[in-house]
C-alpha atoms as a PDB file:
ATOM      1  CA  MET A   1      19.364  12.755  22.820  1.00  0.00           C
ATOM      2  CA  THR A   2      18.226  16.292  22.138  1.00  0.00           C
ATOM      3  CA  THR A   3      14.940  16.928  20.362  1.00  0.00           C
ATOM      4  CA  LEU A   4      14.590  19.624  17.704  1.00  0.00           C
ATOM      5  CA  ARG A   5      11.099  21.099  17.573  1.00  0.00           C
ATOM      6  CA  LEU A   6      10.752  22.400  14.024  1.00  0.00           C
ATOM      7  CA  PRO A   7       7.167  23.502  13.303  1.00  0.00           C
ATOM      8  CA  SER A   8       5.821  22.297   9.962  1.00  0.00           C
ATOM      9  CA  PRO A   9       5.582  25.778   8.364  1.00  0.00           C
ATOM     10  CA  LEU A  10       9.254  26.445   9.161  1.00  0.00           C
ATOM     11  CA  ARG A  11      10.257  22.999   7.936  1.00  0.00           C
ATOM     12  CA  ASP A  12       8.348  23.710   4.711  1.00  0.00           C
ATOM     13  CA  THR A  13      10.230  27.021   4.332  1.00  0.00           C
ATOM     14  CA  ILE A  14      13.578  25.237   4.669  1.00  0.00           C
ATOM     15  CA  ILE A  15      12.592  22.531   2.187  1.00  0.00           C
ATOM     16  CA  ALA A  16      11.317  25.057  -0.366  1.00  0.00           C
ATOM     17  CA  ALA A  17      14.529  27.088  -0.137  1.00  0.00           C
ATOM     18  CA  ALA A  18      16.665  23.940  -0.492  1.00  0.00           C
ATOM     19  CA  GLN A  19      14.760  22.878  -3.607  1.00  0.00           C
ATOM     20  CA  THR A  20      14.841  26.373  -5.132  1.00  0.00           C
ATOM     21  CA  GLY A  21      18.595  26.646  -4.611  1.00  0.00           C
ATOM     22  CA  TYR A  22      19.399  23.262  -6.132  1.00  0.00           C
ATOM     23  CA  PRO A  23      21.982  22.302  -7.443  1.00  0.00           C
ATOM     24  CA  ASP A  24      23.849  24.537  -4.976  1.00  0.00           C
ATOM     25  CA  GLU A  25      23.986  24.097  -1.225  1.00  0.00           C
ATOM     26  CA  VAL A  26      21.562  26.471   0.427  1.00  0.00           C
ATOM     27  CA  CYS A  27      21.809  27.574   4.050  1.00  0.00           C
ATOM     28  CA  GLY A  28      20.091  29.552   6.762  1.00  0.00           C
ATOM     29  CA  LEU A  29      19.975  30.113  10.501  1.00  0.00           C
ATOM     30  CA  LEU A  30      17.542  28.850  13.116  1.00  0.00           C
ATOM     31  CA  LEU A  31      16.237  31.258  15.745  1.00  0.00           C
ATOM     32  CA  GLY A  32      14.616  29.967  18.879  1.00  0.00           C
ATOM     33  CA  ARG A  33      15.011  28.789  22.444  1.00  0.00           C
ATOM     34  CA  GLN A  34      17.306  26.165  23.842  1.00  0.00           C
ATOM     35  CA  ASP A  35      16.422  24.079  26.867  1.00  0.00           C
ATOM     36  CA  PRO A  36      18.540  21.195  28.188  1.00  0.00           C
ATOM     37  CA  ASP A  37      16.811  18.488  26.099  1.00  0.00           C
ATOM     38  CA  VAL A  38      14.736  20.459  23.580  1.00  0.00           C
ATOM     39  CA  VAL A  39      15.603  23.079  21.004  1.00  0.00           C
ATOM     40  CA  THR A  40      12.503  24.963  19.826  1.00  0.00           C
ATOM     41  CA  VAL A  41      12.779  26.774  16.498  1.00  0.00           C
ATOM     42  CA  CYS A  42      10.607  29.903  16.342  1.00  0.00           C
ATOM     43  CA  ALA A  43      11.905  31.445  13.108  1.00  0.00           C
ATOM     44  CA  VAL A  44      14.125  30.662  10.150  1.00  0.00           C
ATOM     45  CA  HIS A  45      16.486  33.390   8.979  1.00  0.00           C
ATOM     46  CA  PRO A  46      17.749  33.218   5.382  1.00  0.00           C
ATOM     47  CA  ALA A  47      21.457  33.342   4.650  1.00  0.00           C
ATOM     48  CA  ARG A  48      23.404  33.558   1.431  1.00  0.00           C
ATOM     49  CA  ASN A  49      25.960  30.917   0.537  1.00  0.00           C
ATOM     50  CA  VAL A  50      29.023  32.961  -0.396  1.00  0.00           C
ATOM     51  CA  HIS A  51      31.534  30.135  -0.701  1.00  0.00           C
ATOM     52  CA  PRO A  52      34.017  31.428  -3.287  1.00  0.00           C
ATOM     53  CA  ASP A  53      34.589  28.186  -5.197  1.00  0.00           C
ATOM     54  CA  ARG A  54      32.365  25.231  -4.394  1.00  0.00           C
ATOM     55  CA  THR A  55      28.736  26.194  -3.799  1.00  0.00           C
ATOM     56  CA  ALA A  56      27.595  22.780  -5.067  1.00  0.00           C
ATOM     57  CA  ASP A  57      29.163  20.983  -2.107  1.00  0.00           C
ATOM     58  CA  ARG A  58      30.165  23.632   0.446  1.00  0.00           C
ATOM     59  CA  PHE A  59      28.538  26.589   2.120  1.00  0.00           C
ATOM     60  CA  LEU A  60      29.814  29.706   3.783  1.00  0.00           C
ATOM     61  CA  ILE A  61      27.297  32.018   5.431  1.00  0.00           C
ATOM     62  CA  GLU A  62      27.501  35.679   4.467  1.00  0.00           C
ATOM     63  CA  PRO A  63      28.745  37.373   7.682  1.00  0.00           C
ATOM     64  CA  GLN A  64      26.180  40.174   7.468  1.00  0.00           C
ATOM     65  CA  ASP A  65      23.383  37.588   7.253  1.00  0.00           C
ATOM     66  CA  TYR A  66      24.672  36.022  10.476  1.00  0.00           C
ATOM     67  CA  LEU A  67      24.769  39.408  12.212  1.00  0.00           C
ATOM     68  CA  ASP A  68      21.254  40.190  10.961  1.00  0.00           C
ATOM     69  CA  ALA A  69      20.060  36.870  12.408  1.00  0.00           C
ATOM     70  CA  GLU A  70      21.646  37.666  15.784  1.00  0.00           C
ATOM     71  CA  TYR A  71      19.947  41.086  15.822  1.00  0.00           C
ATOM     72  CA  ALA A  72      16.572  39.620  14.771  1.00  0.00           C
ATOM     73  CA  ALA A  73      16.813  36.935  17.443  1.00  0.00           C
ATOM     74  CA  ALA A  74      17.706  39.416  20.175  1.00  0.00           C
ATOM     75  CA  ALA A  75      14.839  41.710  19.168  1.00  0.00           C
ATOM     76  CA  ASP A  76      12.402  38.830  19.695  1.00  0.00           C
ATOM     77  CA  GLY A  77      13.970  37.497  22.896  1.00  0.00           C
ATOM     78  CA  LEU A  78      15.423  34.503  21.039  1.00  0.00           C
ATOM     79  CA  GLN A  79      18.889  33.278  20.132  1.00  0.00           C
ATOM     80  CA  VAL A  80      20.544  31.644  17.155  1.00  0.00           C
ATOM     81  CA  VAL A  81      20.207  27.927  17.906  1.00  0.00           C
ATOM     82  CA  GLY A  82      21.534  26.381  14.719  1.00  0.00           C
ATOM     83  CA  VAL A  83      22.315  26.348  11.028  1.00  0.00           C
ATOM     84  CA  TRP A  84      20.465  24.378   8.371  1.00  0.00           C
ATOM     85  CA  HIS A  85      21.803  23.560   4.936  1.00  0.00           C
ATOM     86  CA  SER A  86      21.141  21.308   1.974  1.00  0.00           C
ATOM     87  CA  HIS A  87      23.119  18.435   0.534  1.00  0.00           C
ATOM     88  CA  PRO A  88      22.486  18.335  -3.227  1.00  0.00           C
ATOM     89  CA  ASP A  89      22.431  14.736  -4.450  1.00  0.00           C
ATOM     90  CA  HIS A  90      23.880  13.437  -1.171  1.00  0.00           C
ATOM     91  CA  PRO A  91      22.415  11.982   2.022  1.00  0.00           C
ATOM     92  CA  PRO A  92      21.496  14.277   4.927  1.00  0.00           C
ATOM     93  CA  ARG A  93      24.510  13.261   7.017  1.00  0.00           C
ATOM     94  CA  PRO A  94      27.212  15.673   8.179  1.00  0.00           C
ATOM     95  CA  SER A  95      30.369  15.709   6.095  1.00  0.00           C
ATOM     96  CA  ASP A  96      33.901  16.130   7.404  1.00  0.00           C
ATOM     97  CA  THR A  97      33.665  19.765   6.327  1.00  0.00           C
ATOM     98  CA  ASP A  98      30.414  20.180   8.270  1.00  0.00           C
ATOM     99  CA  ARG A  99      32.206  18.810  11.337  1.00  0.00           C
ATOM    100  CA  GLU A 100      35.172  21.113  10.859  1.00  0.00           C
ATOM    101  CA  PHE A 101      33.011  24.235  11.025  1.00  0.00           C
ATOM    102  CA  ALA A 102      30.320  23.101  13.497  1.00  0.00           C
ATOM    103  CA  TRP A 103      29.804  24.776  16.861  1.00  0.00           C
ATOM    104  CA  ALA A 104      28.977  22.776  19.968  1.00  0.00           C
ATOM    105  CA  GLY A 105      25.485  23.380  21.322  1.00  0.00           C
ATOM    106  CA  TRP A 106      23.848  24.140  17.971  1.00  0.00           C
ATOM    107  CA  SER A 107      21.438  22.076  15.878  1.00  0.00           C
ATOM    108  CA  TYR A 108      22.367  21.272  12.285  1.00  0.00           C
ATOM    109  CA  PRO A 109      19.417  20.147  10.153  1.00  0.00           C
ATOM    110  CA  ILE A 110      20.471  18.892   6.728  1.00  0.00           C
ATOM    111  CA  VAL A 111      18.085  18.505   3.790  1.00  0.00           C
ATOM    112  CA  SER A 112      18.920  15.965   1.111  1.00  0.00           C
ATOM    113  CA  VAL A 113      17.870  17.282  -2.318  1.00  0.00           C
ATOM    114  CA  ASN A 114      18.032  14.776  -5.149  1.00  0.00           C
ATOM    115  CA  GLY A 115      17.413  15.988  -8.684  1.00  0.00           C
ATOM    116  CA  GLY A 116      15.826  19.153  -7.300  1.00  0.00           C
ATOM    117  CA  VAL A 117      13.411  17.364  -4.944  1.00  0.00           C
ATOM    118  CA  ALA A 118      13.892  17.314  -1.173  1.00  0.00           C
ATOM    119  CA  THR A 119      13.817  13.707  -0.018  1.00  0.00           C
ATOM    120  CA  GLU A 120      14.779  13.805   3.660  1.00  0.00           C
ATOM    121  CA  LEU A 121      15.576  16.166   6.528  1.00  0.00           C
ATOM    122  CA  ARG A 122      17.623  15.012   9.514  1.00  0.00           C
ATOM    123  CA  SER A 123      19.210  17.028  12.295  1.00  0.00           C
ATOM    124  CA  TRP A 124      22.529  16.661  14.074  1.00  0.00           C
ATOM    125  CA  ARG A 125      24.275  18.060  17.126  1.00  0.00           C
ATOM    126  CA  LEU A 126      27.984  18.123  17.848  1.00  0.00           C
ATOM    127  CA  GLU A 127      28.807  15.898  20.822  1.00  0.00           C
ATOM    128  CA  GLY A 128      32.494  16.199  21.574  1.00  0.00           C
ATOM    129  CA  GLU A 129      34.259  15.456  18.311  1.00  0.00           C
ATOM    130  CA  THR A 130      31.365  13.704  16.555  1.00  0.00           C
ATOM    131  CA  PHE A 131      27.785  14.384  15.546  1.00  0.00           C
ATOM    132  CA  GLY A 132      24.822  12.727  17.242  1.00  0.00           C
ATOM    133  CA  GLU A 133      21.435  12.691  15.578  1.00  0.00           C
ATOM    134  CA  GLU A 134      18.570  14.750  17.015  1.00  0.00           C
ATOM    135  CA  GLU A 135      14.959  13.685  16.888  1.00  0.00           C
ATOM    136  CA  VAL A 136      12.979  16.173  14.752  1.00  0.00           C
ATOM    137  CA  LEU A 137       9.385  16.852  15.814  1.00  0.00           C
ATOM    138  CA  PRO A 138       6.863  19.441  14.596  1.00  0.00           C
END
């Protein structure tokens, strides 16, 4: 099992963004370092959800936001190590759509936001064709 080290201030940033964006799905990128068993998040990069039809239950990262995250990571000697997003009024488990667009080797924290209040954050990692849960530590 991989561990995701997500410092409390960065976790708080993700949660605040997820609550502010409710009832839409909100997303962003994780910048950090990846070791064999530990992913360490050093920065959170915002991203706009530009899904054309279903922002309440789908997200699509603005391509320029992804490029900006890659440039920011490289400038700081980091890499993009994952994508976080919210699940409005749904549990923080990956959907079939999340699986369809996931990349192996990245962390995928999901924040459940119910009625505008974040209730849980869990992280996942693609293992073959399925997601395995990551332990999240500060």
